[in-house]
Amino acid sequence: MQSEKIILGIDPGTTIMGFGIIKIVKKQMQFVLLDELILNKYDDHYLRLKKIFERTIQLIDAYHPDEIAIEAPFFGKNVQSMLKLGRAQGVAMAAGLSREVTITEYAPKKIKMAITGSGSASKEQVAKMLQSILNLKTLPKNLDATDGLAAAVCHFYNQGRVTGKKSYSGWSSFVKNNEKRIKK
């Protein structure tokens, strides 16, 4: 692992996109940013996707992350919700790929396990643990922001480990790893 690295963590959502940034200096985490993009004020789903893309590009251009950790959509019973979450995740991933930032996705349970030691931890437990780990003074009202930060911290904790995570370093890497999904 390089001596200094910036990791952007994203919790994609269609009503709130949470994100957090950490900086790694000599294998130590430093808190950089914790925020959210409020999307429920926009009625048009496609406009929300555009806002997710634009905000992700802004974050990449402003903070120059070396890697992006993104929370994968969880499998719920509502197919329409899953489709919308998948689109939100895809748009955030496309933004990262367009800037050639390596992207790794993590299952929600894996993120919770990395932060709290329990894959069934609540959002509140994850937030409190992050507050302790990173010495955060306050927590945001919406915990989607801490979920994004948790993805970044999870990625840091999993550096160098061989796992079943999906990782792409650009469009060519994505295509190579998904040849069966490409129509020729």
Protein backbone atom coordinates (compact mmCIF):
# COMPACT_ATOMS: atom_id res chain seq x y z
CA MET A 1 0.00 0.00 0.00
CA GLN A 2 1.31 3.44 -0.89
CA SER A 3 2.23 5.74 2.03
CA GLU A 4 -0.56 8.24 1.29
CA LYS A 5 -3.97 7.50 -0.19
CA ILE A 6 -7.42 9.09 -0.36
CA ILE A 7 -10.52 6.90 -0.29
CA LEU A 8 -13.99 8.13 -1.21
CA GLY A 9 -16.81 6.05 0.24
CA ILE A 10 -20.31 6.25 -1.24
CA ASP A 11 -23.67 5.02 -0.02
CA PRO A 12 -25.75 5.42 -3.17
CA GLY A 13 -29.41 6.23 -2.80
CA THR A 14 -32.19 7.85 -4.75
CA THR A 15 -33.40 10.04 -1.88
CA ILE A 16 -30.07 10.62 -0.10
CA MET A 17 -26.55 9.78 -1.31
CA GLY A 18 -24.17 9.62 1.60
CA PHE A 19 -20.43 10.00 1.18
CA GLY A 20 -17.29 10.24 3.24
CA ILE A 21 -13.62 10.70 2.54
CA ILE A 22 -10.65 9.48 4.52
CA LYS A 23 -6.96 10.03 3.96
CA ILE A 24 -4.44 7.34 4.77
CA VAL A 25 -1.05 8.58 5.88
CA LYS A 26 1.53 5.99 6.97
CA LYS A 27 -1.21 3.36 7.44
CA GLN A 28 -3.22 5.71 9.71
CA MET A 29 -6.71 6.96 8.87
CA GLN A 30 -7.49 10.65 8.94
CA PHE A 31 -11.01 11.99 8.61
CA VAL A 32 -11.49 14.41 5.69
CA LEU A 33 -15.19 14.79 4.87
CA LEU A 34 -18.65 13.53 5.77
CA ASP A 35 -21.71 14.79 3.88
CA GLU A 36 -24.77 13.87 1.88
CA LEU A 37 -26.57 14.85 -1.27
CA ILE A 38 -30.30 15.35 -0.64
CA LEU A 39 -32.22 14.14 -3.69
CA ASN A 40 -35.83 13.83 -2.54
CA LYS A 41 -36.44 17.47 -3.45
CA TYR A 42 -36.27 16.42 -7.12
CA ASP A 43 -39.37 14.70 -8.52
CA ASP A 44 -37.72 13.42 -11.69
CA HIS A 45 -35.78 10.18 -11.11
CA TYR A 46 -33.49 10.90 -14.09
CA LEU A 47 -32.63 14.31 -12.68
CA ARG A 48 -31.68 12.59 -9.41
CA LEU A 49 -29.34 10.28 -11.34
CA LYS A 50 -27.80 13.30 -13.07
CA LYS A 51 -27.23 14.98 -9.67
CA ILE A 52 -25.55 11.80 -8.33
CA PHE A 53 -23.22 11.72 -11.34
CA GLU A 54 -22.39 15.43 -11.09
CA ARG A 55 -21.76 15.36 -7.33
CA THR A 56 -19.53 12.30 -7.63
CA ILE A 57 -17.51 14.01 -10.38
CA GLN A 58 -17.23 17.15 -8.19
CA LEU A 59 -15.92 15.07 -5.27
CA ILE A 60 -13.39 13.29 -7.49
CA ASP A 61 -12.18 16.54 -9.04
CA ALA A 62 -11.93 18.31 -5.66
CA TYR A 63 -10.36 15.55 -3.52
CA HIS A 64 -8.63 13.33 -6.12
CA PRO A 65 -9.38 9.99 -4.45
CA ASP A 66 -7.11 7.10 -5.33
CA GLU A 67 -9.96 4.64 -4.82
CA ILE A 68 -13.72 4.57 -4.38
CA ALA A 69 -15.52 2.17 -2.07
CA ILE A 70 -19.23 1.87 -2.77
CA GLU A 71 -21.97 0.08 -0.90
CA ALA A 72 -23.66 -2.53 -3.08
CA PRO A 73 -27.46 -2.53 -3.15
CA PHE A 74 -28.99 -4.97 -0.70
CA PHE A 75 -31.47 -7.53 -1.93
CA GLY A 76 -34.94 -6.47 -0.84
CA LYS A 77 -38.43 -7.57 -1.70
CA ASN A 78 -39.33 -4.44 -3.68
CA VAL A 79 -38.00 -4.90 -7.20
CA GLN A 80 -38.61 -1.24 -8.16
CA SER A 81 -36.56 -0.02 -5.19
CA MET A 82 -33.75 -2.42 -6.11
CA LEU A 83 -33.78 -1.16 -9.68
CA LYS A 84 -33.59 2.49 -8.56
CA LEU A 85 -30.76 1.74 -6.10
CA GLY A 86 -28.88 -0.17 -8.79
CA ARG A 87 -29.19 2.79 -11.13
CA ALA A 88 -27.91 5.16 -8.43
CA GLN A 89 -24.95 2.88 -7.77
CA GLY A 90 -24.27 2.52 -11.49
CA VAL A 91 -24.26 6.26 -12.05
CA ALA A 92 -21.82 6.81 -9.17
CA MET A 93 -19.63 4.01 -10.52
CA ALA A 94 -19.75 5.48 -14.04
CA ALA A 95 -18.57 8.81 -12.65
CA GLY A 96 -15.60 7.12 -11.00
CA LEU A 97 -14.82 5.04 -14.06
CA SER A 98 -14.95 8.15 -16.26
CA ARG A 99 -12.15 9.60 -14.13
CA GLU A 100 -10.33 6.22 -14.06
CA VAL A 101 -10.62 5.79 -10.29
CA THR A 102 -10.51 2.20 -9.05
CA ILE A 103 -13.89 1.16 -7.62
CA THR A 104 -14.61 -1.60 -5.13
CA GLU A 105 -18.08 -2.51 -3.96
CA TYR A 106 -18.92 -4.02 -0.60
CA ALA A 107 -22.07 -5.69 0.66
CA PRO A 108 -23.79 -3.79 3.50
CA LYS A 109 -23.15 -6.69 5.92
CA LYS A 110 -19.44 -6.69 5.06
CA ILE A 111 -19.23 -2.95 5.80
CA LYS A 112 -21.07 -3.33 9.11
CA MET A 113 -18.84 -6.28 10.05
CA ALA A 114 -15.67 -4.29 9.27
CA ILE A 115 -16.77 -1.33 11.40
CA THR A 116 -18.60 -2.93 14.34
CA GLY A 117 -17.71 -6.61 14.23
CA SER A 118 -21.36 -7.49 13.56
CA GLY A 119 -22.94 -7.81 10.13
CA SER A 120 -26.34 -7.04 11.61
CA ALA A 121 -25.36 -3.78 13.33
CA SER A 122 -27.75 -0.84 13.08
CA LYS A 123 -26.96 2.43 11.29
CA GLU A 124 -26.69 4.05 14.73
CA GLN A 125 -24.12 1.48 15.92
CA VAL A 126 -22.04 1.98 12.77
CA ALA A 127 -22.20 5.77 13.19
CA LYS A 128 -21.17 5.64 16.87
CA MET A 129 -18.24 3.33 16.08
CA LEU A 130 -17.07 5.66 13.30
CA GLN A 131 -17.38 8.59 15.69
CA SER A 132 -15.07 6.76 18.08
CA ILE A 133 -12.59 5.49 15.46
CA LEU A 134 -12.20 8.84 13.68
CA ASN A 135 -12.77 11.16 16.66
CA LEU A 136 -15.78 12.85 15.03
CA LYS A 137 -17.20 15.66 17.18
CA THR A 138 -20.79 15.28 15.96
CA LEU A 139 -22.81 12.96 13.77
CA PRO A 140 -25.12 14.06 10.96
CA LYS A 141 -28.89 13.90 11.32
CA ASN A 142 -29.18 11.49 8.38
CA LEU A 143 -26.95 8.48 8.80
CA ASP A 144 -26.57 7.90 5.06
CA ALA A 145 -23.47 10.09 5.27
CA THR A 146 -21.90 7.81 7.90
CA ASP A 147 -22.79 4.81 5.71
CA GLY A 148 -20.70 6.35 2.93
CA LEU A 149 -17.85 6.99 5.37
CA ALA A 150 -18.19 3.41 6.62
CA ALA A 151 -17.63 2.12 3.07
CA ALA A 152 -14.34 4.06 2.91
CA VAL A 153 -13.21 2.76 6.32
CA CYS A 154 -14.21 -0.80 5.38
CA HIS A 155 -12.09 -0.47 2.23
CA PHE A 156 -9.11 0.67 4.28
CA TYR A 157 -9.51 -2.28 6.66
CA ASN A 158 -9.68 -4.69 3.71
CA GLN A 159 -6.56 -3.41 1.89
CA GLY A 160 -4.36 -6.26 0.78
CA ARG A 161 -6.87 -8.96 1.67
CA VAL A 162 -8.05 -11.35 -0.98
CA THR A 163 -11.84 -11.27 -0.90
CA GLY A 164 -14.77 -11.81 -3.22
CA LYS A 165 -15.15 -8.07 -3.77
CA LYS A 166 -15.62 -6.63 -7.22
CA SER A 167 -13.05 -4.07 -8.31
CA TYR A 168 -12.67 -2.14 -11.55
CA SER A 169 -9.94 0.29 -12.56
CA GLY A 170 -11.59 1.62 -15.70
CA TRP A 171 -13.99 0.77 -18.49
CA SER A 172 -11.61 -1.76 -20.05
CA SER A 173 -11.26 -3.55 -16.69
CA PHE A 174 -15.04 -3.59 -16.26
CA VAL A 175 -15.56 -4.99 -19.79
CA LYS A 176 -12.84 -7.61 -19.29
CA ASN A 177 -14.44 -8.79 -16.03
CA ASN A 178 -17.95 -8.78 -17.50
CA GLU A 179 -17.48 -10.26 -20.99
CA LYS A 180 -20.67 -12.35 -20.70
CA ARG A 181 -22.70 -9.17 -20.26
CA ILE A 182 -21.37 -7.56 -23.45
CA LYS A 183 -23.35 -8.04 -26.67
CA LYS A 184 -21.09 -8.52 -29.67
